[in-house]
Amino acid sequence: METHRRRQVILTLLEERGEVAVDELAADLDVSQNTIRNDLNALADEALVRRGGRSSGRRICASPNVR
């Protein structure tokens, strides 16, 4: 899956779920957790998502950036 398309899927999942974790996205999209972190960082740089803290252990969550 192309980077742009994967990031669109991430945004769609965020809209549906309200919050997602890196490990869940990596499993859903069949990519590494590092790839997901890079995608979330890029989306956060564009102010499209808001990165959250560690919800449990090493899980890092993100939610849509609601203005």
Protein backbone atom coordinates (compact mmCIF):
# COMPACT_ATOMS: atom_id res chain seq x y z
CA MET A 1 0.00 0.00 0.00
CA GLU A 2 1.33 3.43 -0.90
CA THR A 3 2.18 5.83 1.90
CA HIS A 4 -0.53 8.33 0.98
CA ARG A 5 -3.21 5.63 0.83
CA ARG A 6 -2.07 4.09 4.15
CA ARG A 7 -2.28 7.48 5.85
CA GLN A 8 -5.78 7.98 4.48
CA VAL A 9 -6.76 4.61 5.93
CA ILE A 10 -5.29 5.64 9.28
CA LEU A 11 -7.37 8.82 9.24
CA THR A 12 -10.50 6.83 8.38
CA LEU A 13 -9.85 4.39 11.22
CA LEU A 14 -9.35 7.30 13.60
CA GLU A 15 -12.68 8.78 12.57
CA GLU A 16 -14.39 5.42 13.09
CA ARG A 17 -12.70 4.42 16.35
CA GLY A 18 -11.89 7.79 17.88
CA GLU A 19 -8.51 6.51 19.05
CA VAL A 20 -6.05 3.93 17.80
CA ALA A 21 -2.86 2.37 19.09
CA VAL A 22 0.32 1.87 17.11
CA ASP A 23 0.34 -1.89 17.59
CA GLU A 24 -3.28 -2.20 16.46
CA LEU A 25 -2.70 -0.12 13.34
CA ALA A 26 0.42 -2.08 12.47
CA ALA A 27 -1.52 -5.35 12.70
CA ASP A 28 -4.51 -3.97 10.78
CA LEU A 29 -2.36 -2.59 7.95
CA ASP A 30 0.29 -5.34 7.97
CA VAL A 31 3.22 -2.95 8.40
CA SER A 32 5.79 -2.39 11.13
CA GLN A 33 5.13 -0.30 14.20
CA ASN A 34 7.93 2.01 13.07
CA THR A 35 6.07 2.64 9.81
CA ILE A 36 2.93 3.53 11.76
CA ARG A 37 4.88 5.85 14.06
CA ASN A 38 6.35 7.60 11.02
CA ASP A 39 2.89 7.95 9.51
CA LEU A 40 1.41 9.32 12.75
CA ASN A 41 4.28 11.78 13.11
CA ALA A 42 3.74 13.01 9.55
CA LEU A 43 -0.02 13.34 10.12
CA ALA A 44 0.62 15.17 13.40
CA ASP A 45 3.01 17.55 11.60
CA GLU A 46 0.11 18.35 9.27
CA ALA A 47 -2.15 18.86 12.32
CA LEU A 48 -4.41 16.00 11.19
CA VAL A 49 -3.95 13.86 14.30
CA ARG A 50 -3.03 14.41 17.90
CA ARG A 51 -0.54 12.00 19.46
CA GLY A 52 -1.36 10.82 22.93
CA GLY A 53 0.73 9.41 25.70
CA ARG A 54 1.41 5.83 26.47
CA SER A 55 -1.90 4.26 27.38
CA SER A 56 -0.48 0.97 28.66
CA GLY A 57 3.06 -0.20 28.43
CA ARG A 58 4.51 0.73 25.05
CA ARG A 59 1.24 1.53 23.30
CA ILE A 60 1.04 5.03 21.91
CA CYS A 61 -2.37 6.27 20.90
CA ALA A 62 -3.54 8.89 18.47
CA SER A 63 -6.87 10.60 17.97
CA PRO A 64 -8.29 12.87 15.30
CA ASN A 65 -7.26 16.48 15.70
CA VAL A 66 -10.62 18.08 16.33
CA ARG A 67 -10.57 21.82 15.99
